[in-house]
Amino acid sequence: MKFGYYILNTYVPELDGASPQLYSRWLEQIDAAEDLGFDSLWVTEHHFRPFGGMMPSPQLLLAAAA
């Protein structure tokens, strides 16, 4: 069985802080998921909204994760 890791990219500025810290946390989560044996990473594209708002270009996050 294979497991994938999905980033639920909600964004609440008051809770999540500035975008650089948010992206840094996502990359830390991705590293942890890989260390735990997850097989794939799933992201979605959403533009500046509270639900899924800080992933306007998922290809860039995937490139950084690679």
PDB file of N, CA and C in Angstrom:
ATOM      1  N   MET A   1       0.842  -1.148   0.000  1.00  0.00           N
ATOM      2  CA  MET A   1       0.000   0.000   0.000  1.00  0.00           C
ATOM      3  C   MET A   1       0.904   1.234   0.000  1.00  0.00           C
ATOM      4  N   LYS A   2       0.516   2.250  -0.762  1.00  0.00           N
ATOM      5  CA  LYS A   2       1.259   3.501  -0.809  1.00  0.00           C
ATOM      6  C   LYS A   2       0.418   4.605  -0.196  1.00  0.00           C
ATOM      7  N   PHE A   3       1.116   5.516   0.465  1.00  0.00           N
ATOM      8  CA  PHE A   3       0.444   6.647   1.100  1.00  0.00           C
ATOM      9  C   PHE A   3       0.994   7.944   0.542  1.00  0.00           C
ATOM     10  N   GLY A   4       0.102   8.898   0.301  1.00  0.00           N
ATOM     11  CA  GLY A   4       0.502  10.214  -0.153  1.00  0.00           C
ATOM     12  C   GLY A   4       0.234  11.245   0.923  1.00  0.00           C
ATOM     13  N   TYR A   5       0.956  12.329   0.854  1.00  0.00           N
ATOM     14  CA  TYR A   5       0.782  13.424   1.803  1.00  0.00           C
ATOM     15  C   TYR A   5       0.149  14.598   1.069  1.00  0.00           C
ATOM     16  N   TYR A   6      -0.958  15.086   1.600  1.00  0.00           N
ATOM     17  CA  TYR A   6      -1.684  16.202   0.990  1.00  0.00           C
ATOM     18  C   TYR A   6      -1.559  17.430   1.878  1.00  0.00           C
ATOM     19  N   ILE A   7      -1.143  18.540   1.293  1.00  0.00           N
ATOM     20  CA  ILE A   7      -1.081  19.799   2.032  1.00  0.00           C
ATOM     21  C   ILE A   7      -2.420  20.496   1.875  1.00  0.00           C
ATOM     22  N   LEU A   8      -3.162  20.583   2.970  1.00  0.00           N
ATOM     23  CA  LEU A   8      -4.399  21.348   2.979  1.00  0.00           C
ATOM     24  C   LEU A   8      -3.989  22.799   3.186  1.00  0.00           C
ATOM     25  N   ASN A   9      -3.885  23.510   2.108  1.00  0.00           N
ATOM     26  CA  ASN A   9      -3.247  24.827   2.131  1.00  0.00           C
ATOM     27  C   ASN A   9      -4.221  25.944   2.490  1.00  0.00           C
ATOM     28  N   THR A  10      -4.814  25.826   3.662  1.00  0.00           N
ATOM     29  CA  THR A  10      -5.603  26.946   4.169  1.00  0.00           C
ATOM     30  C   THR A  10      -4.648  28.025   4.654  1.00  0.00           C
ATOM     31  N   TYR A  11      -5.119  29.244   4.687  1.00  0.00           N
ATOM     32  CA  TYR A  11      -4.260  30.341   5.125  1.00  0.00           C
ATOM     33  C   TYR A  11      -5.077  31.362   5.887  1.00  0.00           C
ATOM     34  N   VAL A  12      -4.742  31.512   7.156  1.00  0.00           N
ATOM     35  CA  VAL A  12      -5.328  32.537   8.012  1.00  0.00           C
ATOM     36  C   VAL A  12      -4.151  33.364   8.521  1.00  0.00           C
ATOM     37  N   PRO A  13      -3.952  34.576   7.985  1.00  0.00           N
ATOM     38  CA  PRO A  13      -2.757  35.352   8.331  1.00  0.00           C
ATOM     39  C   PRO A  13      -2.539  35.523   9.829  1.00  0.00           C
ATOM     40  N   GLU A  14      -3.625  35.689  10.573  1.00  0.00           N
ATOM     41  CA  GLU A  14      -3.485  35.893  12.015  1.00  0.00           C
ATOM     42  C   GLU A  14      -2.926  34.658  12.722  1.00  0.00           C
ATOM     43  N   LEU A  15      -3.172  33.495  12.160  1.00  0.00           N
ATOM     44  CA  LEU A  15      -2.691  32.254  12.764  1.00  0.00           C
ATOM     45  C   LEU A  15      -1.429  31.725  12.106  1.00  0.00           C
ATOM     46  N   ASP A  16      -1.330  31.892  10.796  1.00  0.00           N
ATOM     47  CA  ASP A  16      -0.223  31.296  10.042  1.00  0.00           C
ATOM     48  C   ASP A  16       0.980  32.209   9.888  1.00  0.00           C
ATOM     49  N   GLY A  17       0.817  33.499  10.143  1.00  0.00           N
ATOM     50  CA  GLY A  17       1.930  34.421  10.000  1.00  0.00           C
ATOM     51  C   GLY A  17       2.168  34.804   8.548  1.00  0.00           C
ATOM     52  N   ALA A  18       3.341  35.341   8.318  1.00  0.00           N
ATOM     53  CA  ALA A  18       3.710  35.796   6.975  1.00  0.00           C
ATOM     54  C   ALA A  18       3.963  34.600   6.057  1.00  0.00           C
ATOM     55  N   SER A  19       3.848  34.848   4.774  1.00  0.00           N
ATOM     56  CA  SER A  19       3.991  33.759   3.806  1.00  0.00           C
ATOM     57  C   SER A  19       5.346  33.046   3.863  1.00  0.00           C
ATOM     58  N   PRO A  20       6.479  33.731   4.096  1.00  0.00           N
ATOM     59  CA  PRO A  20       7.737  32.967   4.157  1.00  0.00           C
ATOM     60  C   PRO A  20       7.734  31.898   5.257  1.00  0.00           C
ATOM     61  N   GLN A  21       7.147  32.216   6.398  1.00  0.00           N
ATOM     62  CA  GLN A  21       7.076  31.232   7.471  1.00  0.00           C
ATOM     63  C   GLN A  21       6.132  30.080   7.103  1.00  0.00           C
ATOM     64  N   LEU A  22       5.047  30.403   6.429  1.00  0.00           N
ATOM     65  CA  LEU A  22       4.103  29.375   6.006  1.00  0.00           C
ATOM     66  C   LEU A  22       4.760  28.394   5.036  1.00  0.00           C
ATOM     67  N   TYR A  23       5.444  28.919   4.028  1.00  0.00           N
ATOM     68  CA  TYR A  23       6.114  28.052   3.055  1.00  0.00           C
ATOM     69  C   TYR A  23       7.210  27.222   3.719  1.00  0.00           C
ATOM     70  N   SER A  24       7.913  27.816   4.662  1.00  0.00           N
ATOM     71  CA  SER A  24       8.951  27.090   5.391  1.00  0.00           C
ATOM     72  C   SER A  24       8.351  25.927   6.175  1.00  0.00           C
ATOM     73  N   ARG A  25       7.214  26.152   6.824  1.00  0.00           N
ATOM     74  CA  ARG A  25       6.541  25.073   7.561  1.00  0.00           C
ATOM     75  C   ARG A  25       6.089  23.964   6.610  1.00  0.00           C
ATOM     76  N   TRP A  26       5.567  24.347   5.447  1.00  0.00           N
ATOM     77  CA  TRP A  26       5.151  23.325   4.481  1.00  0.00           C
ATOM     78  C   TRP A  26       6.333  22.473   4.054  1.00  0.00           C
ATOM     79  N   LEU A  27       7.468  23.103   3.790  1.00  0.00           N
ATOM     80  CA  LEU A  27       8.646  22.336   3.382  1.00  0.00           C
ATOM     81  C   LEU A  27       9.121  21.421   4.504  1.00  0.00           C
ATOM     82  N   GLU A  28       9.012  21.877   5.752  1.00  0.00           N
ATOM     83  CA  GLU A  28       9.352  21.019   6.888  1.00  0.00           C
ATOM     84  C   GLU A  28       8.408  19.825   6.959  1.00  0.00           C
ATOM     85  N   GLN A  29       7.125  20.060   6.731  1.00  0.00           N
ATOM     86  CA  GLN A  29       6.147  18.969   6.741  1.00  0.00           C
ATOM     87  C   GLN A  29       6.442  17.963   5.633  1.00  0.00           C
ATOM     88  N   ILE A  30       6.817  18.475   4.467  1.00  0.00           N
ATOM     89  CA  ILE A  30       7.131  17.597   3.342  1.00  0.00           C
ATOM     90  C   ILE A  30       8.339  16.729   3.673  1.00  0.00           C
ATOM     91  N   ASP A  31       9.370  17.321   4.267  1.00  0.00           N
ATOM     92  CA  ASP A  31      10.547  16.545   4.664  1.00  0.00           C
ATOM     93  C   ASP A  31      10.180  15.477   5.687  1.00  0.00           C
ATOM     94  N   ALA A  32       9.349  15.848   6.651  1.00  0.00           N
ATOM     95  CA  ALA A  32       8.933  14.891   7.674  1.00  0.00           C
ATOM     96  C   ALA A  32       8.129  13.754   7.054  1.00  0.00           C
ATOM     97  N   ALA A  33       7.236  14.075   6.128  1.00  0.00           N
ATOM     98  CA  ALA A  33       6.436  13.044   5.472  1.00  0.00           C
ATOM     99  C   ALA A  33       7.329  12.071   4.705  1.00  0.00           C
ATOM    100  N   GLU A  34       8.329  12.604   4.034  1.00  0.00           N
ATOM    101  CA  GLU A  34       9.255  11.729   3.306  1.00  0.00           C
ATOM    102  C   GLU A  34      10.018  10.831   4.268  1.00  0.00           C
ATOM    103  N   ASP A  35      10.477  11.405   5.386  1.00  0.00           N
ATOM    104  CA  ASP A  35      11.187  10.604   6.382  1.00  0.00           C
ATOM    105  C   ASP A  35      10.304   9.502   6.959  1.00  0.00           C
ATOM    106  N   LEU A  36       9.000   9.743   7.016  1.00  0.00           N
ATOM    107  CA  LEU A  36       8.063   8.764   7.557  1.00  0.00           C
ATOM    108  C   LEU A  36       7.615   7.732   6.528  1.00  0.00           C
ATOM    109  N   GLY A  37       8.087   7.875   5.287  1.00  0.00           N
ATOM    110  CA  GLY A  37       7.810   6.870   4.278  1.00  0.00           C
ATOM    111  C   GLY A  37       6.655   7.156   3.343  1.00  0.00           C
ATOM    112  N   PHE A  38       6.132   8.369   3.344  1.00  0.00           N
ATOM    113  CA  PHE A  38       5.071   8.697   2.391  1.00  0.00           C
ATOM    114  C   PHE A  38       5.635   8.626   0.979  1.00  0.00           C
ATOM    115  N   ASP A  39       4.800   8.207   0.040  1.00  0.00           N
ATOM    116  CA  ASP A  39       5.255   7.955  -1.321  1.00  0.00           C
ATOM    117  C   ASP A  39       5.048   9.105  -2.287  1.00  0.00           C
ATOM    118  N   SER A  40       4.112   9.982  -1.992  1.00  0.00           N
ATOM    119  CA  SER A  40       3.810  11.063  -2.936  1.00  0.00           C
ATOM    120  C   SER A  40       3.372  12.309  -2.173  1.00  0.00           C
ATOM    121  N   LEU A  41       3.365  13.409  -2.892  1.00  0.00           N
ATOM    122  CA  LEU A  41       2.938  14.693  -2.342  1.00  0.00           C
ATOM    123  C   LEU A  41       1.846  15.247  -3.233  1.00  0.00           C
ATOM    124  N   TRP A  42       0.765  15.708  -2.626  1.00  0.00           N
ATOM    125  CA  TRP A  42      -0.362  16.263  -3.356  1.00  0.00           C
ATOM    126  C   TRP A  42      -0.562  17.709  -2.925  1.00  0.00           C
ATOM    127  N   VAL A  43      -0.684  18.583  -3.900  1.00  0.00           N
ATOM    128  CA  VAL A  43      -0.967  19.998  -3.626  1.00  0.00           C
ATOM    129  C   VAL A  43      -2.054  20.469  -4.592  1.00  0.00           C
ATOM    130  N   THR A  44      -2.681  21.576  -4.260  1.00  0.00           N
ATOM    131  CA  THR A  44      -3.702  22.161  -5.123  1.00  0.00           C
ATOM    132  C   THR A  44      -3.337  23.605  -5.426  1.00  0.00           C
ATOM    133  N   GLU A  45      -3.945  24.148  -6.426  1.00  0.00           N
ATOM    134  CA  GLU A  45      -3.678  25.532  -6.816  1.00  0.00           C
ATOM    135  C   GLU A  45      -4.863  26.408  -6.417  1.00  0.00           C
ATOM    136  N   HIS A  46      -4.584  27.367  -5.559  1.00  0.00           N
ATOM    137  CA  HIS A  46      -5.602  28.332  -5.139  1.00  0.00           C
ATOM    138  C   HIS A  46      -4.932  29.686  -4.976  1.00  0.00           C
ATOM    139  N   HIS A  47      -5.691  30.723  -5.196  1.00  0.00           N
ATOM    140  CA  HIS A  47      -5.120  32.069  -5.227  1.00  0.00           C
ATOM    141  C   HIS A  47      -5.673  32.958  -4.120  1.00  0.00           C
ATOM    142  N   PHE A  48      -4.874  33.191  -3.098  1.00  0.00           N
ATOM    143  CA  PHE A  48      -5.065  34.244  -2.106  1.00  0.00           C
ATOM    144  C   PHE A  48      -6.466  34.298  -1.514  1.00  0.00           C
ATOM    145  N   ARG A  49      -6.921  33.163  -1.054  1.00  0.00           N
ATOM    146  CA  ARG A  49      -8.202  33.050  -0.354  1.00  0.00           C
ATOM    147  C   ARG A  49      -7.937  32.317   0.963  1.00  0.00           C
ATOM    148  N   PRO A  50      -8.822  32.482   1.953  1.00  0.00           N
ATOM    149  CA  PRO A  50      -8.596  31.772   3.213  1.00  0.00           C
ATOM    150  C   PRO A  50      -8.525  30.258   3.044  1.00  0.00           C
ATOM    151  N   PHE A  51      -9.345  29.681   2.159  1.00  0.00           N
ATOM    152  CA  PHE A  51      -9.262  28.242   1.939  1.00  0.00           C
ATOM    153  C   PHE A  51      -8.378  27.985   0.732  1.00  0.00           C
ATOM    154  N   GLY A  52      -7.188  27.520   0.998  1.00  0.00           N
ATOM    155  CA  GLY A  52      -6.275  27.195  -0.082  1.00  0.00           C
ATOM    156  C   GLY A  52      -5.606  28.395  -0.697  1.00  0.00           C
ATOM    157  N   GLY A  53      -5.464  29.444   0.065  1.00  0.00           N
ATOM    158  CA  GLY A  53      -5.091  30.713  -0.514  1.00  0.00           C
ATOM    159  C   GLY A  53      -3.643  30.994  -0.810  1.00  0.00           C
ATOM    160  N   MET A  54      -2.712  30.233  -0.335  1.00  0.00           N
ATOM    161  CA  MET A  54      -1.312  30.609  -0.552  1.00  0.00           C
ATOM    162  C   MET A  54      -0.573  29.615  -1.435  1.00  0.00           C
ATOM    163  N   MET A  55      -1.257  29.102  -2.428  1.00  0.00           N
ATOM    164  CA  MET A  55      -0.619  28.180  -3.360  1.00  0.00           C
ATOM    165  C   MET A  55      -0.968  28.587  -4.790  1.00  0.00           C
ATOM    166  N   PRO A  56      -0.534  29.803  -5.211  1.00  0.00           N
ATOM    167  CA  PRO A  56      -0.868  30.235  -6.561  1.00  0.00           C
ATOM    168  C   PRO A  56      -0.092  29.475  -7.639  1.00  0.00           C
ATOM    169  N   SER A  57       1.038  28.888  -7.273  1.00  0.00           N
ATOM    170  CA  SER A  57       1.829  28.142  -8.254  1.00  0.00           C
ATOM    171  C   SER A  57       2.379  26.878  -7.587  1.00  0.00           C
ATOM    172  N   PRO A  58       1.606  25.809  -7.591  1.00  0.00           N
ATOM    173  CA  PRO A  58       2.065  24.594  -6.910  1.00  0.00           C
ATOM    174  C   PRO A  58       3.358  24.029  -7.492  1.00  0.00           C
ATOM    175  N   GLN A  59       3.639  24.324  -8.754  1.00  0.00           N
ATOM    176  CA  GLN A  59       4.869  23.813  -9.363  1.00  0.00           C
ATOM    177  C   GLN A  59       6.113  24.332  -8.630  1.00  0.00           C
ATOM    178  N   LEU A  60       6.047  25.558  -8.135  1.00  0.00           N
ATOM    179  CA  LEU A  60       7.205  26.110  -7.421  1.00  0.00           C
ATOM    180  C   LEU A  60       7.425  25.393  -6.092  1.00  0.00           C
ATOM    181  N   LEU A  61       6.347  25.109  -5.372  1.00  0.00           N
ATOM    182  CA  LEU A  61       6.493  24.377  -4.121  1.00  0.00           C
ATOM    183  C   LEU A  61       7.002  22.962  -4.399  1.00  0.00           C
ATOM    184  N   LEU A  62       6.485  22.324  -5.438  1.00  0.00           N
ATOM    185  CA  LEU A  62       6.950  20.981  -5.777  1.00  0.00           C
ATOM    186  C   LEU A  62       8.423  20.991  -6.184  1.00  0.00           C
ATOM    187  N   ALA A  63       8.847  22.024  -6.883  1.00  0.00           N
ATOM    188  CA  ALA A  63      10.259  22.135  -7.264  1.00  0.00           C
ATOM    189  C   ALA A  63      11.134  22.330  -6.025  1.00  0.00           C
ATOM    190  N   ALA A  64      10.669  23.165  -5.094  1.00  0.00           N
ATOM    191  CA  ALA A  64      11.426  23.372  -3.850  1.00  0.00           C
ATOM    192  C   ALA A  64      11.484  22.088  -3.031  1.00  0.00           C
ATOM    193  N   ALA A  65      10.407  21.333  -3.044  1.00  0.00           N
ATOM    194  CA  ALA A  65      10.374  20.071  -2.297  1.00  0.00           C
ATOM    195  C   ALA A  65      11.298  19.033  -2.912  1.00  0.00           C
ATOM    196  N   ALA A  66      11.442  19.070  -4.217  1.00  0.00           N
ATOM    197  CA  ALA A  66      12.287  18.087  -4.897  1.00  0.00           C
ATOM    198  C   ALA A  66      13.737  18.283  -4.536  1.00  0.00           C
TER     199      ALA A  66
END
